[in-house]
Every structure is written in C-alpha cells, then in structure tokens.
Protein backbone atom coordinates (compact mmCIF):
# COMPACT_ATOMS: atom_id res chain seq x y z
CA UNK A 1 66.60 -37.50 49.37
CA UNK A 2 64.59 -36.78 45.80
CA UNK A 3 60.73 -36.18 46.03
CA UNK A 4 60.64 -39.58 44.18
CA UNK A 5 62.71 -41.46 46.95
CA UNK A 6 60.77 -39.88 49.55
CA UNK A 7 57.37 -40.94 47.95
CA UNK A 8 58.26 -44.42 47.42
CA UNK A 9 59.26 -45.01 51.08
CA UNK A 10 62.90 -45.28 50.65
CA UNK A 11 63.87 -45.35 54.64
CA UNK A 12 66.70 -42.85 55.26
CA UNK A 13 68.89 -44.32 58.27
CA UNK A 14 71.56 -42.47 60.46
CA UNK A 15 74.35 -43.25 62.65
CA UNK A 16 72.78 -43.30 66.24
CA UNK A 17 75.96 -41.27 67.45
CA UNK A 18 75.06 -38.06 65.36
CA UNK A 19 72.24 -37.84 68.10
CA UNK A 20 75.01 -37.08 70.55
CA UNK A 21 77.21 -34.94 67.85
CA UNK A 22 78.86 -32.19 70.03
CA UNK A 23 77.97 -28.21 68.63
CA UNK A 24 81.81 -28.37 67.52
CA UNK A 25 81.24 -31.44 65.47
CA UNK A 26 82.84 -34.05 67.34
CA UNK A 27 81.39 -37.35 69.54
CA UNK A 28 81.93 -38.82 72.96
CA UNK A 29 83.02 -42.14 73.37
CA UNK A 30 81.33 -44.60 71.40
CA UNK A 31 80.00 -46.54 74.67
CA UNK A 32 77.59 -43.77 74.56
CA UNK A 33 75.55 -44.62 71.75
CA UNK A 34 76.15 -48.54 71.13
CA UNK A 35 79.85 -49.47 70.66
CA UNK A 36 79.06 -50.36 67.07
CA UNK A 37 77.77 -47.21 66.51
CA UNK A 38 74.75 -48.88 64.23
CA UNK A 39 72.15 -47.16 62.45
CA UNK A 40 68.66 -45.42 63.57
CA UNK A 41 65.75 -45.08 61.00
CA UNK A 42 64.71 -41.77 60.45
CA UNK A 43 60.86 -42.13 59.90
CA UNK A 44 59.05 -39.02 59.12
CA UNK A 45 55.89 -37.86 60.48
CA UNK A 46 53.49 -37.53 57.94
CA UNK A 47 51.88 -34.70 59.88
CA UNK A 48 54.72 -32.79 59.47
CA UNK A 49 56.03 -32.34 55.86
CA UNK A 50 56.26 -28.89 54.79
CA UNK A 51 57.28 -27.15 51.45
CA UNK A 52 59.90 -24.55 52.18
CA UNK A 53 58.46 -21.46 50.81
CA UNK A 54 61.40 -19.39 51.13
CA UNK A 55 63.51 -21.44 48.96
CA UNK A 56 64.03 -20.37 45.31
CA UNK A 57 64.24 -24.13 44.35
CA UNK A 58 61.42 -26.80 45.37
CA UNK A 59 62.18 -28.08 48.95
CA UNK A 60 60.67 -29.69 51.76
CA UNK A 61 61.66 -30.35 54.96
CA UNK A 62 60.18 -33.39 56.84
CA UNK A 63 60.28 -33.50 60.82
CA UNK A 64 60.96 -37.23 61.45
CA UNK A 65 60.85 -39.54 64.60
CA UNK A 66 64.12 -41.40 65.10
CA UNK A 67 63.47 -44.98 65.76
CA UNK A 68 65.40 -47.99 66.54
CA UNK A 69 65.76 -50.65 63.49
CA UNK A 70 63.56 -53.02 65.69
CA UNK A 71 60.78 -50.10 65.89
CA UNK A 72 61.04 -48.58 68.95
CA UNK A 73 61.92 -45.00 70.07
CA UNK A 74 65.46 -44.33 70.55
CA UNK A 75 66.40 -43.59 73.87
CA UNK A 76 68.67 -40.95 72.83
CA UNK A 77 66.14 -39.20 70.70
CA UNK A 78 64.67 -35.83 72.46
CA UNK A 79 61.43 -35.95 70.60
CA UNK A 80 61.18 -39.19 71.30
CA UNK A 81 61.83 -38.47 75.33
CA UNK A 82 59.06 -35.88 74.79
CA UNK A 83 56.66 -38.52 73.50
CA UNK A 84 56.95 -40.42 76.21
CA UNK A 85 56.39 -38.11 78.79
CA UNK A 86 52.99 -36.71 77.33
CA UNK A 87 52.00 -40.92 77.76
CA UNK A 88 52.54 -40.78 80.94
CA UNK A 89 49.98 -37.53 80.92
CA UNK A 90 47.30 -39.40 78.92
CA UNK A 91 47.58 -42.92 81.42
CA UNK A 92 46.52 -40.56 83.94
CA UNK A 93 43.45 -38.74 81.47
CA UNK A 94 45.52 -36.06 81.38
CA UNK A 95 47.11 -33.82 78.69
CA UNK A 96 49.52 -30.90 78.97
CA UNK A 97 48.76 -27.77 77.25
CA UNK A 98 52.13 -25.52 76.32
CA UNK A 99 52.82 -22.27 75.13
CA UNK A 100 56.37 -20.92 74.03
CA UNK A 101 57.73 -17.62 73.84
CA UNK A 102 60.91 -17.39 71.58
CA UNK A 103 63.31 -14.31 72.07
CA UNK A 104 66.11 -14.11 69.42
CA UNK A 105 68.31 -11.01 68.10
CA UNK A 106 68.60 -10.03 64.33
CA UNK A 107 71.96 -8.51 63.65
CA UNK A 108 74.05 -7.57 60.41
CA UNK A 109 76.33 -10.45 59.22
CA UNK A 110 79.63 -10.81 61.29
CA UNK A 111 82.41 -12.68 59.42
CA UNK A 112 84.98 -12.04 62.43
CA UNK A 113 83.57 -13.92 65.92
CA UNK A 114 86.29 -11.74 67.69
CA UNK A 115 84.20 -8.66 67.19
CA UNK A 116 80.91 -8.06 68.92
CA UNK A 117 77.79 -8.46 67.12
CA UNK A 118 76.16 -5.18 66.01
CA UNK A 119 72.28 -4.41 64.67
CA UNK A 120 71.61 -3.63 60.96
CA UNK A 121 72.03 -0.42 59.75
CA UNK A 122 68.39 1.57 59.97
CA UNK A 123 66.83 3.45 57.41
CA UNK A 124 68.44 6.69 59.15
CA UNK A 125 72.18 5.29 58.46
CA UNK A 126 72.20 4.63 62.22
CA UNK A 127 72.27 1.33 64.12
CA UNK A 128 69.95 1.13 67.03
CA UNK A 129 71.35 2.23 70.57
CA UNK A 130 68.57 -0.02 72.58
CA UNK A 131 65.88 2.27 73.46
CA UNK A 132 63.52 0.49 70.76
CA UNK A 133 61.74 -1.88 73.44
CA UNK A 134 57.78 -2.35 72.11
CA UNK A 135 58.92 0.36 69.20
CA UNK A 136 56.42 0.15 66.33
CA UNK A 137 58.94 2.33 64.29
CA UNK A 138 59.97 1.03 60.94
CA UNK A 139 63.67 3.12 61.26
CA UNK A 140 65.51 -0.07 61.65
CA UNK A 141 64.69 -1.23 58.17
CA UNK A 142 63.87 -4.77 59.13
CA UNK A 143 60.23 -4.28 57.56
CA UNK A 144 60.90 -6.42 54.30
CA UNK A 145 62.88 -9.34 56.43
CA UNK A 146 59.61 -8.97 59.08
CA UNK A 147 57.10 -9.29 56.50
CA UNK A 148 58.39 -12.59 54.68
CA UNK A 149 58.81 -14.07 58.07
CA UNK A 150 54.76 -13.49 58.54
CA UNK A 151 54.27 -14.77 54.89
CA UNK A 152 56.44 -18.34 55.49
CA UNK A 153 54.70 -18.58 58.87
CA UNK A 154 51.54 -18.86 57.24
CA UNK A 155 52.79 -21.10 54.29
CA UNK A 156 53.67 -23.21 57.05
CA UNK A 157 50.64 -23.15 59.15
CA UNK A 158 52.67 -21.87 62.06
CA UNK A 159 50.10 -19.70 63.75
CA UNK A 160 51.34 -16.63 65.91
CA UNK A 161 49.99 -14.98 68.56
CA UNK A 162 52.32 -11.77 69.18
CA UNK A 163 55.51 -10.51 68.06
CA UNK A 164 57.26 -7.58 69.64
CA UNK A 165 60.27 -5.63 70.24
CA UNK A 166 61.92 -6.64 73.42
CA UNK A 167 64.38 -5.43 76.02
CA UNK A 168 67.84 -5.79 74.14
CA UNK A 169 69.62 -3.87 70.84
CA UNK A 170 67.75 -5.39 67.93
CA UNK A 171 66.23 -8.10 69.78
CA UNK A 172 62.51 -9.32 69.04
CA UNK A 173 60.02 -12.24 70.79
CA UNK A 174 57.11 -14.15 69.26
CA UNK A 175 54.56 -15.78 71.16
CA UNK A 176 53.35 -18.92 69.68
CA UNK A 177 50.03 -19.74 70.26
CA UNK A 178 49.22 -22.38 72.90
CA UNK A 179 48.53 -25.80 72.11
CA UNK A 180 49.78 -29.69 72.22
CA UNK A 181 53.64 -29.74 73.63
CA UNK A 182 54.56 -32.00 70.53
CA UNK A 183 53.03 -29.71 68.37
CA UNK A 184 54.43 -26.77 70.18
CA UNK A 185 58.14 -28.17 70.15
CA UNK A 186 58.13 -29.03 66.47
CA UNK A 187 56.55 -25.59 65.69
CA UNK A 188 59.60 -23.80 67.58
CA UNK A 189 61.84 -25.98 66.03
CA UNK A 190 60.74 -24.82 62.70
CA UNK A 191 60.48 -21.25 63.45
CA UNK A 192 63.94 -20.91 64.56
CA UNK A 193 65.11 -22.44 61.16
CA UNK A 194 62.65 -20.20 58.97
CA UNK A 195 64.11 -17.26 60.91
CA UNK A 196 67.83 -18.17 60.09
CA UNK A 197 66.79 -19.07 56.50
CA UNK A 198 64.96 -15.82 56.11
CA UNK A 199 67.53 -13.47 57.59
CA UNK A 200 70.46 -14.79 55.06
CA UNK A 201 67.86 -13.74 52.46
CA UNK A 202 67.63 -10.42 53.84
CA UNK A 203 71.55 -9.85 54.61
CA UNK A 204 70.96 -10.06 58.16
CA UNK A 205 71.82 -12.70 60.77
CA UNK A 206 69.50 -14.20 63.36
CA UNK A 207 71.26 -15.12 66.21
CA UNK A 208 69.50 -17.61 69.12
CA UNK A 209 71.99 -17.38 71.72
CA UNK A 210 71.27 -17.22 75.43
CA UNK A 211 73.65 -14.22 75.70
CA UNK A 212 75.08 -12.60 72.51
CA UNK A 213 75.58 -9.20 73.89
CA UNK A 214 77.02 -7.49 77.27
CA UNK A 215 75.04 -5.28 79.44
CA UNK A 216 72.20 -6.59 77.25
CA UNK A 217 69.01 -8.70 78.19
CA UNK A 218 69.63 -12.19 77.03
CA UNK A 219 67.16 -14.70 74.98
CA UNK A 220 65.02 -16.59 76.81
CA UNK A 221 62.19 -19.50 75.46
CA UNK A 222 59.50 -19.44 78.30
CA UNK A 223 57.50 -22.17 78.39
CA UNK A 224 53.91 -21.72 79.21
CA UNK A 225 52.29 -25.08 81.20
CA UNK A 226 48.74 -25.86 82.40
CA UNK A 227 47.08 -29.45 82.18
CA UNK A 228 43.58 -30.51 80.88
CA UNK A 229 41.58 -33.44 81.47
CA UNK A 230 41.09 -35.65 78.33
CA UNK A 231 37.44 -36.07 78.94
CA UNK A 232 35.75 -32.91 79.34
CA UNK A 233 38.89 -30.69 78.92
CA UNK A 234 38.69 -28.80 82.19
CA UNK A 235 42.19 -27.24 83.81
CA UNK A 236 43.07 -29.18 86.33
CA UNK A 237 44.80 -25.97 87.74
CA UNK A 238 41.34 -24.40 88.65
CA UNK A 239 38.45 -25.90 90.50
CA UNK A 240 34.76 -25.36 90.00
CA UNK A 241 34.83 -21.92 92.11
CA UNK A 242 38.02 -20.83 89.86
CA UNK A 243 40.06 -21.53 92.66
CA UNK A 244 43.78 -23.04 92.43
CA UNK A 245 43.60 -26.74 93.26
CA UNK A 246 45.75 -29.37 94.86
CA UNK A 247 46.98 -30.09 91.25
CA UNK A 248 48.15 -26.99 90.82
CA UNK A 249 50.58 -26.51 93.51
CA UNK A 250 51.27 -30.28 93.46
CA UNK A 251 52.83 -29.13 89.85
CA UNK A 252 54.64 -26.32 91.10
CA UNK A 253 56.27 -28.74 93.78
CA UNK A 254 57.55 -30.98 91.54
CA UNK A 255 59.17 -28.18 89.14
CA UNK A 256 60.97 -26.65 92.22
CA UNK A 257 61.89 -30.26 93.47
CA UNK A 258 63.53 -31.01 89.75
CA UNK A 259 64.44 -27.61 88.57
CA UNK A 260 68.14 -27.91 90.09
CA UNK A 261 68.59 -31.72 88.79
CA UNK A 262 67.38 -30.47 85.23
CA UNK A 263 69.13 -27.07 85.00
CA UNK A 264 71.67 -28.20 82.41
CA UNK A 265 68.80 -29.44 79.86
CA UNK A 266 67.20 -25.84 79.94
CA UNK A 267 70.35 -24.25 79.85
CA UNK A 268 72.45 -26.31 77.31
CA UNK A 269 75.95 -24.09 76.68
CA UNK A 270 78.39 -22.30 78.51
CA UNK A 271 76.97 -18.87 76.80
CA UNK A 272 73.44 -20.19 78.70
CA UNK A 273 74.86 -19.28 82.09
CA UNK A 274 75.83 -15.96 80.76
CA UNK A 275 71.77 -15.02 80.42
CA UNK A 276 71.21 -16.49 84.17
CA UNK A 277 73.91 -15.20 85.88
CA UNK A 278 73.39 -11.48 84.41
CA UNK A 279 69.83 -11.66 85.00
CA UNK A 280 67.71 -8.96 83.31
CA UNK A 281 64.02 -10.43 84.06
CA UNK A 282 65.94 -14.05 83.97
CA UNK A 283 65.93 -15.72 87.17
CA UNK A 284 68.42 -18.55 88.08
CA UNK A 285 66.10 -19.81 90.20
CA UNK A 286 63.34 -22.04 91.37
CA UNK A 287 61.13 -19.54 93.60
CA UNK A 288 57.62 -19.21 92.62
CA UNK A 289 55.29 -15.90 92.39
CA UNK A 290 52.43 -14.73 91.14
CA UNK A 291 52.93 -12.33 88.26
CA UNK A 292 56.95 -11.75 89.31
CA UNK A 293 59.36 -12.07 86.54
CA UNK A 294 61.82 -12.22 89.52
CA UNK A 295 61.03 -15.71 90.16
CA UNK A 296 61.58 -18.87 88.15
CA UNK A 297 58.29 -19.85 88.30
CA UNK A 298 56.04 -17.12 87.75
CA UNK A 299 52.07 -17.29 87.63
CA UNK A 300 50.62 -14.77 85.14
CA UNK A 301 47.79 -13.06 85.82
CA UNK A 302 44.91 -14.69 83.91
CA UNK A 303 41.39 -16.03 83.99
CA UNK A 304 40.76 -19.28 86.00
CA UNK A 305 40.12 -21.35 82.73
CA UNK A 306 44.12 -19.93 81.81
CA UNK A 307 45.48 -21.01 84.57
CA UNK A 308 49.12 -21.62 84.64
CA UNK A 309 52.25 -22.04 85.36
CA UNK A 310 55.54 -19.99 83.46
CA UNK A 311 59.17 -21.74 83.49
CA UNK A 312 61.23 -18.86 83.03
CA UNK A 313 64.76 -20.90 83.31
CA UNK A 314 65.14 -22.06 79.22
CA UNK A 315 66.88 -19.63 76.91
CA UNK A 316 66.33 -19.45 73.60
CA UNK A 317 69.35 -21.82 72.75
CA UNK A 318 67.92 -24.84 74.77
CA UNK A 319 66.38 -27.48 72.73
CA UNK A 320 62.22 -26.89 72.70
CA UNK A 321 61.66 -31.10 72.75
CA UNK A 322 63.88 -31.93 75.70
CA UNK A 323 63.27 -28.64 77.62
CA UNK A 324 59.32 -28.79 77.37
CA UNK A 325 59.95 -32.44 78.19
CA UNK A 326 62.01 -31.99 81.12
CA UNK A 327 59.52 -29.12 82.67
CA UNK A 328 56.51 -31.06 82.17
CA UNK A 329 57.82 -34.36 83.78
CA UNK A 330 58.94 -32.51 86.70
CA UNK A 331 55.26 -31.43 86.93
CA UNK A 332 53.94 -34.48 86.53
CA UNK A 333 56.37 -36.20 89.05
CA UNK A 334 54.96 -33.38 91.78
CA UNK A 335 51.49 -34.47 90.96
CA UNK A 336 52.38 -38.11 91.36
CA UNK A 337 54.00 -37.56 94.92
CA UNK A 338 51.87 -34.95 95.61
CA UNK A 339 54.67 -32.33 96.42
CA UNK A 340 53.71 -29.04 98.25
CA UNK A 341 55.87 -26.01 96.97
CA UNK A 342 57.32 -23.55 99.15
CA UNK A 343 55.73 -20.29 100.25
CA UNK A 344 54.89 -18.04 97.32
CA UNK A 345 57.38 -15.02 97.20
CA UNK A 346 56.09 -11.61 96.04
CA UNK A 347 57.98 -8.41 95.59
CA UNK A 348 62.23 -8.21 96.30
CA UNK A 349 63.12 -11.46 97.94
CA UNK A 350 66.39 -13.28 98.69
CA UNK A 351 66.85 -16.51 97.07
CA UNK A 352 66.61 -19.09 99.77
CA UNK A 353 69.28 -21.44 98.95
CA UNK A 354 67.46 -24.73 98.57
CA UNK A 355 65.48 -22.51 95.58
CA UNK A 356 68.98 -21.53 94.14
CA UNK A 357 70.22 -23.49 90.97
CA UNK A 358 73.67 -23.99 89.16
CA UNK A 359 74.93 -20.95 87.91
CA UNK A 360 77.67 -22.63 85.54
CA UNK A 361 77.82 -25.15 83.12
CA UNK A 362 80.31 -27.77 85.03
CA UNK A 363 78.10 -27.31 88.30
CA UNK A 364 74.78 -28.11 86.53
CA UNK A 365 76.66 -31.07 84.77
CA UNK A 366 77.77 -31.87 88.27
CA UNK A 367 74.30 -31.59 89.37
CA UNK A 368 72.86 -33.84 86.78
CA UNK A 369 75.44 -36.51 87.37
CA UNK A 370 74.09 -37.28 90.63
CA UNK A 371 70.36 -37.24 89.82
CA UNK A 372 68.85 -40.34 89.86
CA UNK A 373 65.78 -38.74 89.13
CA UNK A 374 66.62 -37.43 85.69
CA UNK A 375 67.99 -41.50 84.88
CA UNK A 376 64.42 -42.42 85.89
CA UNK A 377 62.74 -40.26 83.83
CA UNK A 378 64.75 -39.65 80.94
CA UNK A 379 66.85 -42.96 80.91
CA UNK A 380 69.91 -43.74 81.93
CA UNK A 381 71.46 -43.66 78.10
CA UNK A 382 70.13 -40.75 77.95
CA UNK A 383 71.40 -38.77 80.79
CA UNK A 384 74.85 -40.26 80.56
CA UNK A 385 75.27 -39.57 76.62
CA UNK A 386 73.82 -35.79 77.19
CA UNK A 387 76.54 -35.45 79.72
CA UNK A 388 79.37 -36.79 77.63
CA UNK A 389 78.53 -34.48 75.16
CA UNK A 390 78.35 -31.44 76.95
CA UNK A 391 81.09 -32.29 79.10
CA UNK A 392 83.05 -32.50 75.57
CA UNK A 393 81.87 -29.29 74.70
CA UNK A 394 82.66 -27.12 78.15
CA UNK A 395 86.25 -29.13 77.51
CA UNK A 396 86.68 -27.50 74.11
CA UNK A 397 85.62 -23.96 75.39
CA UNK A 398 88.15 -24.04 78.16
CA UNK A 399 90.66 -24.93 76.03
CA UNK A 400 90.65 -21.17 74.52
CA UNK A 401 91.90 -18.34 76.15
CA UNK A 402 89.27 -15.51 76.32
CA UNK A 403 89.98 -11.72 74.83
CA UNK A 404 89.22 -10.62 78.65
CA UNK A 405 92.00 -12.84 79.93
CA UNK A 406 94.50 -11.22 77.86
CA UNK A 407 93.31 -7.49 78.02
CA UNK A 408 92.91 -7.95 82.12
CA UNK A 409 95.61 -10.40 83.23
CA UNK A 410 98.14 -10.13 80.82
CA UNK A 411 99.99 -7.27 82.79
CA UNK A 412 99.96 -8.54 86.12
CA UNK A 413 102.67 -9.24 87.84
C-alpha cells in the first residue's frame, strides 16, 4: 500500500481463506473458512508500525489484526487467539509475562534443495565443523551480518538480552527480554523477518526450520512464563517467603494436562518431529524438573521474584502467537481447575507413558482431533481449520519419495 493510502486510513481486505493457506500455497476445503470465502479487514496496530531499516527504498511494515467485517476478531487469527487468552487472565486480575529464546542457523546460499545446507565460508576459507558452541571468534566471517542485525534491531526498538553461538553448526540463539506476551509474539515475528531480510543482503540464508541438519541439534523457541498480579505486580508463583505457591504447581499441572493435546500447535511441521525425536536437549515429554534440560517443562534456577516455567517443546518453526497462546492457555487451565502436577523428576529418567507426547505430525493431529479441550479454548473453527491445513501439508510430504528410500530400499529383494 502507498504511504498516502495508509495515512488516509484506507482499509485493506483479504479473503478469510488466506489465514488457512498451506505452506505449499494451497487451501483446505472452503467449508473450513466460510463457503463464500468472504473478506476480513486487516487493521494495523498503531503501536506496531515499523520503518524497515534494511530496505534501500523507504518501506514500512504494519502488524495487523484480522477482523471480521462486523468488527470482532476473526476466529482464524492466531494474534486474536492470543489476545483472547490474555483477556481471560485479565478477568482474574492476572497478567502473564513471557520471554522467547529463538535459535536459528546461518547458512551459505542453497539453490538445490536436494543438497544439504552448508555453513558459510569462514575467513580462513573453511566451513565451520560444529565445535564453536559459545565461541567469541570472528573466524566464521559473520560479524558484518550480525552488526547489521544489531543495528536493525535497535532501529526497530527490539531490545535484546543475549546473543550466542549455539551447539549446532553455524547455529545461533537470541534471548528477547521478558514482557507482555502479545508484544513478545510481535517481536519474535518481526525478528525472524529481520533475520531473513538482512541475511539476503549479505549473501546468506537464515533457516528457522526445527531440524535443518542431521546429527545436529535442532532449533527451539523455548517460552519462559510467569504470572503477575495486575494490582501490585507480584509474581503469583512465589509467596512472601519466596516459596513456590499452589498457583505455581497448578500452572505446571495445566501444562502437563494439555501438552499432548496441543503438540501440533507447538510442532506444526513434519520436520518439527525430527527435532523432537532426535533430542539434543529437545525433550518430547511433559515431565517437569528443577533446572533439568531433559524435561519438557524446566524450572530455571532463579530468584523467587523470577520464578518461571520454561516450555521447551516449541521449535523455531512454531507460530509465536499460537505457541504462546497455547502454552499460556494450558497454564491458566491448570490454575482454574487447580490441577496438581506429577512429581518432579531429576537426573536421568524414563518418561512415564502418561507424560509422553506424540512423536509424528500424524499422531499429533490425531490427538488434536480428539481434543474437546482444544476446541473449548481456541474455538471449533480454528482447530478444525488448522487440522485441515496441516493434514494437506502432511499429505503433500507423503506424496514424495525421499532420497533415503531410494538409497536404502531400492536394492531390497
């Protein structure tokens, strides 16, 4: 849209079906988004209009709410779903606080998807081999790229906590500062867009797949969650003596009760389960533990004021609005129903059957189909439309024969 049209308040409308568009570009049956496929209004959030500092020509991006033409939020909008979850907290005098940790890979350009990704050439003419975790070396040659990332983050008002080289080959992580969940979802979305755009300018490829490389850690989007009182601002997970409260345990109990039903919301793609089923600190379970990275729900070591629950299930490929909404809705479900968690688990442990989670997209979608709770919390229209879209994506994947099948099975008698 032209700047003049935007400033005049010209309305942008879009077919409802676009909110259920598959990642391959197709759509499920029209009945999932209204058989007429009528329009939605995209209404810019006035607090989230950004001049794009990496663009050579003046351009801006506006984060929008998807509203029905009658004015209410669309049931297909994940940003709208997150707002609805936050309103349920507010009705109880509570406000969640979250932070996201986003991991990603920086690769050389990859024009042939049949070939594996490779790290960029370093300053010594070699490619990183995967032994640079937490390194401060500049040998990877990425300093100019990251300098522009930092500059663009500052220009967009995206505060960053820490940046580090992660465990994987040319894998990095950013920790965004904790705050309002809707703001953090917006910031996570904007940061991923920024990463990809700046990488293109530097002749690089940023990949936010959950598992782009075999035999290498995948990329997560861990969600740190606490809940404060709207009046007073105290962390409801800690009492006056700094001890865990019943609300803290009920929040964990809600997460444990919901994670299996909601796995497809946290792990939305076939590739998501490559990360979860080959875990390098990527636990596919609903166990909880004090400072144990093998648990799906980790309680990081912290002061009582910062007591929080880290949901380690979502990957970097998750929709931040949907993943945060699902995680917070699960916690609130536990608080409302006063659910008690299973006992905490420490050290090396075997996952109890009742705390294991689906390990394929097909299994996760089947679990979501059977979930009355998901329909109750997110609406029948969204859940059934989401399942329809993801089923099409799964079918598209299963239509292809992989190199592994040709390499290993073709010689079988």
